Amino acid sequence: MNDVVLACHQLAKTYQDGERTVEVFNNLNFTIQAGESVAIMGASGAGKSTLMHLLGGLDQASGGQILLKGKDLSQLSANKRGQLRNQHLGFVYQFHHLLPEFSALENVMMPLLIGKSGKNEAKQKATAVLEQVGLAERLTHRPAQLSGGERQRAAIARALVMQPDCILADEPTGNLDEKTAQSVMDMLLALNKANNTALVLVTHDMAIAQQMQHIYELRMGDLHQYQEE
């Protein structure tokens, strides 16, 4: 049986909008295992990005549990939570968030250096993963010198360089044309299989979602198995 990488139990999230309390989720449950791929769909404002931030330990839940590799994120200090996140999770966003003044190689080295790897080791690992995503010839290029698809590949390399157990991808193809989007998806799914990495992907695009093993729809504050109309 595969290992559970990330799970949430009875997850709740509310926030204050002036006098009003807005409930985003209440009693949401979700589990993903190593090597599994899941798409999350839903209308704008349904809370997809909020859910990803909670699963990634970037935001605090109002109730319930989020377990990353069996550890309850709410019970950890900010420092310990950051260490666990850096070790086990990779993040890919719609916008690449690469640092413009650094090369592709330097951007991908960052998580390793933050994780206290030596510079030579970080350079070797970052080079290997950039080669894996097809950017062997672009190591010294800064983001402004890369195409949109290349920038997103570099962002994926940065997410992968720590060999995370799970990648959380929030609209990773939303800014790309159809052909480039498909090449990015092909790469994510190949890495999901080759590395046994769990993949959770938020998308509006049904053609993208259908390439994942499971599709969930976020509506009325809960995840539902997607049913075709």
Protein backbone atom coordinates (compact mmCIF):
# COMPACT_ATOMS: atom_id res chain seq x y z
CA MET A 1 0.00 0.00 0.00
CA ASN A 2 1.21 3.48 -0.88
CA ASP A 3 2.15 5.96 1.82
CA VAL A 4 -0.22 8.82 2.61
CA VAL A 5 1.80 11.97 1.92
CA LEU A 6 -0.74 14.68 2.71
CA ALA A 7 -4.14 14.51 4.41
CA CYS A 8 -6.64 16.84 5.97
CA HIS A 9 -9.41 15.87 8.37
CA GLN A 10 -12.49 17.99 9.09
CA LEU A 11 -10.67 21.05 7.74
CA ALA A 12 -12.39 24.37 8.43
CA LYS A 13 -11.50 27.89 7.31
CA THR A 14 -13.37 31.09 8.09
CA TYR A 15 -12.40 34.74 7.86
CA GLN A 16 -13.89 38.05 8.88
CA ASP A 17 -15.25 40.44 6.27
CA GLY A 18 -16.11 43.44 8.41
CA GLU A 19 -18.97 42.32 10.67
CA ARG A 20 -19.57 39.17 8.64
CA THR A 21 -17.94 35.76 9.18
CA VAL A 22 -17.32 34.03 5.85
CA GLU A 23 -17.05 30.24 5.91
CA VAL A 24 -14.80 28.90 3.12
CA PHE A 25 -14.70 25.26 4.29
CA ASN A 26 -16.22 23.25 7.06
CA ASN A 27 -15.44 19.56 7.62
CA LEU A 28 -13.42 19.09 4.41
CA ASN A 29 -11.54 15.77 4.12
CA PHE A 30 -8.83 14.92 1.60
CA THR A 31 -6.00 12.38 1.27
CA ILE A 32 -3.29 11.89 -1.34
CA GLN A 33 -0.79 9.06 -1.51
CA ALA A 34 2.68 8.79 -3.03
CA GLY A 35 2.51 8.59 -6.83
CA GLU A 36 -1.14 9.69 -6.99
CA SER A 37 -2.32 12.59 -9.17
CA VAL A 38 -5.39 14.70 -8.33
CA ALA A 39 -7.02 17.64 -10.09
CA ILE A 40 -9.13 20.14 -8.15
CA MET A 41 -11.65 22.20 -10.11
CA GLY A 42 -14.30 24.67 -9.05
CA ALA A 43 -15.82 28.07 -9.76
CA SER A 44 -13.86 31.26 -9.15
CA GLY A 45 -14.07 32.14 -5.47
CA ALA A 46 -14.80 28.53 -4.40
CA GLY A 47 -11.60 28.52 -2.31
CA LYS A 48 -9.21 26.47 -4.48
CA SER A 49 -6.16 28.66 -3.82
CA THR A 50 -7.11 28.94 -0.13
CA LEU A 51 -7.17 25.13 0.07
CA MET A 52 -3.75 24.90 -1.59
CA HIS A 53 -2.32 27.45 0.85
CA LEU A 54 -3.71 25.48 3.78
CA LEU A 55 -2.44 22.13 2.46
CA GLY A 56 0.96 23.71 1.95
CA GLY A 57 1.12 25.13 5.46
CA LEU A 58 1.20 28.69 4.10
CA ASP A 59 -1.99 29.65 5.93
CA GLN A 60 -3.55 28.59 9.24
CA ALA A 61 -6.76 26.56 9.29
CA SER A 62 -9.62 27.62 11.57
CA GLY A 63 -10.23 24.01 12.59
CA GLY A 64 -9.41 20.41 11.76
CA GLN A 65 -6.06 18.81 11.00
CA ILE A 66 -3.56 18.92 8.14
CA LEU A 67 -1.05 16.07 8.25
CA LEU A 68 2.12 16.23 6.16
CA LYS A 69 3.98 12.91 6.34
CA GLY A 70 1.94 12.16 9.47
CA LYS A 71 2.85 15.40 11.26
CA ASP A 72 0.09 17.83 12.25
CA LEU A 73 1.10 21.23 10.84
CA SER A 74 -0.91 23.12 13.47
CA GLN A 75 1.19 21.58 16.25
CA LEU A 76 4.51 22.79 14.82
CA SER A 77 6.32 26.10 15.32
CA ALA A 78 6.61 28.35 12.25
CA ASN A 79 10.26 27.32 11.95
CA LYS A 80 9.55 23.57 12.12
CA ARG A 81 6.62 23.98 9.71
CA GLY A 82 8.92 25.76 7.25
CA GLN A 83 11.51 22.99 7.49
CA LEU A 84 8.91 20.28 6.90
CA ARG A 85 7.45 22.20 3.96
CA ASN A 86 10.89 22.71 2.40
CA GLN A 87 11.69 19.02 2.78
CA HIS A 88 8.44 17.42 1.58
CA LEU A 89 6.53 19.91 -0.61
CA GLY A 90 7.18 21.60 -3.94
CA PHE A 91 5.07 24.54 -5.09
CA VAL A 92 4.28 25.61 -8.67
CA TYR A 93 2.10 28.65 -9.34
CA GLN A 94 0.45 30.25 -12.38
CA PHE A 95 3.14 32.94 -12.25
CA HIS A 96 6.63 31.48 -12.05
CA HIS A 97 7.89 33.71 -9.17
CA LEU A 98 11.50 33.30 -10.31
CA LEU A 99 13.86 35.96 -8.99
CA PRO A 100 14.66 38.18 -12.01
CA GLU A 101 18.23 39.05 -11.04
CA PHE A 102 19.32 35.39 -10.81
CA SER A 103 19.93 32.79 -13.52
CA ALA A 104 17.76 29.68 -13.92
CA LEU A 105 20.48 27.67 -12.17
CA GLU A 106 20.72 30.11 -9.24
CA ASN A 107 16.92 30.18 -8.86
CA VAL A 108 16.77 26.37 -8.68
CA MET A 109 19.68 26.25 -6.21
CA MET A 110 17.79 28.49 -3.73
CA PRO A 111 15.72 25.81 -1.88
CA LEU A 112 18.86 23.68 -1.46
CA LEU A 113 20.87 26.59 -0.06
CA ILE A 114 17.98 27.46 2.30
CA GLY A 115 18.01 23.77 3.31
CA LYS A 116 21.71 24.18 4.23
CA SER A 117 23.21 22.25 1.30
CA GLY A 118 26.76 23.23 0.30
CA LYS A 119 27.13 25.39 -2.81
CA ASN A 120 28.79 22.69 -4.95
CA GLU A 121 26.20 20.07 -4.02
CA ALA A 122 23.38 22.57 -4.69
CA LYS A 123 24.85 23.41 -8.09
CA GLN A 124 25.13 19.73 -9.08
CA LYS A 125 21.58 18.87 -7.99
CA ALA A 126 20.09 22.00 -9.59
CA THR A 127 21.92 21.31 -12.86
CA ALA A 128 20.65 17.71 -12.91
CA VAL A 129 17.01 18.69 -12.39
CA LEU A 130 17.20 21.50 -14.99
CA GLU A 131 18.55 18.92 -17.45
CA GLN A 132 15.62 16.66 -16.48
CA VAL A 133 13.11 19.38 -17.46
CA GLY A 134 14.89 20.14 -20.75
CA LEU A 135 16.76 23.32 -19.80
CA ALA A 136 20.36 22.05 -20.01
CA GLU A 137 21.19 24.79 -22.53
CA ARG A 138 19.58 27.60 -20.49
CA LEU A 139 21.31 27.33 -17.09
CA THR A 140 22.88 30.79 -17.15
CA HIS A 141 19.85 32.59 -18.61
CA ARG A 142 17.85 34.94 -16.41
CA PRO A 143 14.02 34.72 -16.42
CA ALA A 144 13.68 37.66 -18.85
CA GLN A 145 15.78 35.69 -21.37
CA LEU A 146 13.52 32.60 -21.16
CA SER A 147 10.22 31.96 -22.94
CA GLY A 148 7.03 31.57 -20.89
CA GLY A 149 7.22 27.79 -21.13
CA GLU A 150 10.90 27.79 -20.16
CA ARG A 151 10.21 29.99 -17.14
CA GLN A 152 7.50 27.57 -15.98
CA ARG A 153 9.88 24.62 -16.52
CA ALA A 154 12.48 26.40 -14.39
CA ALA A 155 9.82 26.95 -11.70
CA ILE A 156 8.98 23.24 -11.80
CA ALA A 157 12.68 22.38 -11.53
CA ARG A 158 12.87 24.60 -8.43
CA ALA A 159 9.84 22.76 -6.97
CA LEU A 160 11.45 19.39 -7.69
CA VAL A 161 15.03 20.02 -6.60
CA MET A 162 14.43 18.97 -2.98
CA GLN A 163 12.86 15.72 -4.26
CA PRO A 164 9.56 16.52 -2.52
CA ASP A 165 6.98 13.89 -1.70
CA CYS A 166 4.20 16.10 -3.08
CA ILE A 167 3.90 18.92 -5.61
CA LEU A 168 1.11 21.48 -5.13
CA ALA A 169 0.47 23.18 -8.47
CA ASP A 170 -1.97 26.12 -8.60
CA GLU A 171 -3.02 26.77 -12.24
CA PRO A 172 0.51 25.92 -13.47
CA THR A 173 -0.53 26.12 -17.13
CA GLY A 174 -2.92 29.09 -16.79
CA ASN A 175 -0.52 31.56 -18.43
CA LEU A 176 0.62 29.32 -21.28
CA ASP A 177 -0.64 28.64 -24.80
CA GLU A 178 -2.23 25.23 -25.40
CA LYS A 179 0.86 23.54 -26.88
CA THR A 180 3.22 24.82 -24.17
CA ALA A 181 0.66 23.99 -21.47
CA GLN A 182 0.53 20.39 -22.71
CA SER A 183 4.33 20.08 -22.73
CA VAL A 184 4.42 21.31 -19.10
CA MET A 185 1.69 18.80 -18.16
CA ASP A 186 3.51 15.96 -19.91
CA MET A 187 6.58 16.79 -17.87
CA LEU A 188 4.72 17.03 -14.55
CA LEU A 189 3.00 13.69 -15.13
CA ALA A 190 6.25 12.00 -16.23
CA LEU A 191 7.96 13.24 -13.05
CA ASN A 192 4.93 12.15 -10.99
CA LYS A 193 5.40 8.60 -12.31
CA ALA A 194 9.22 8.48 -12.41
CA ASN A 195 9.73 9.88 -8.90
CA ASN A 196 6.51 8.51 -7.29
CA THR A 197 5.72 12.13 -6.37
CA ALA A 198 2.14 12.95 -5.36
CA LEU A 199 0.67 15.72 -7.54
CA VAL A 200 -2.21 18.01 -6.56
CA LEU A 201 -3.16 20.40 -9.35
CA VAL A 202 -5.74 23.20 -9.39
CA THR A 203 -7.02 23.97 -12.89
CA HIS A 204 -9.97 25.51 -14.73
CA ASP A 205 -9.14 23.44 -17.81
CA MET A 206 -11.02 20.13 -18.13
CA ALA A 207 -8.57 18.84 -20.77
CA ILE A 208 -5.77 19.27 -18.19
CA ALA A 209 -7.84 17.80 -15.32
CA GLN A 210 -8.72 14.68 -17.32
CA GLN A 211 -5.04 13.71 -17.47
CA MET A 212 -4.98 13.19 -13.70
CA GLN A 213 -6.05 9.98 -11.91
CA HIS A 214 -8.82 11.70 -9.90
CA ILE A 215 -10.83 14.87 -10.41
CA TYR A 216 -12.51 16.67 -7.52
CA GLU A 217 -14.79 19.68 -7.64
CA LEU A 218 -14.69 22.20 -4.81
CA ARG A 219 -18.18 23.52 -4.17
CA MET A 220 -20.25 24.50 -1.13
CA GLY A 221 -17.11 24.28 1.01
CA ASP A 222 -16.36 20.61 0.29
CA LEU A 223 -14.61 18.39 -2.26
CA HIS A 224 -16.82 16.18 -4.42
CA GLN A 225 -15.75 13.50 -6.90
CA TYR A 226 -16.31 15.13 -10.28
CA GLN A 227 -19.35 13.83 -12.15
CA GLU A 228 -19.68 14.48 -15.88
CA GLU A 229 -23.00 16.07 -16.73
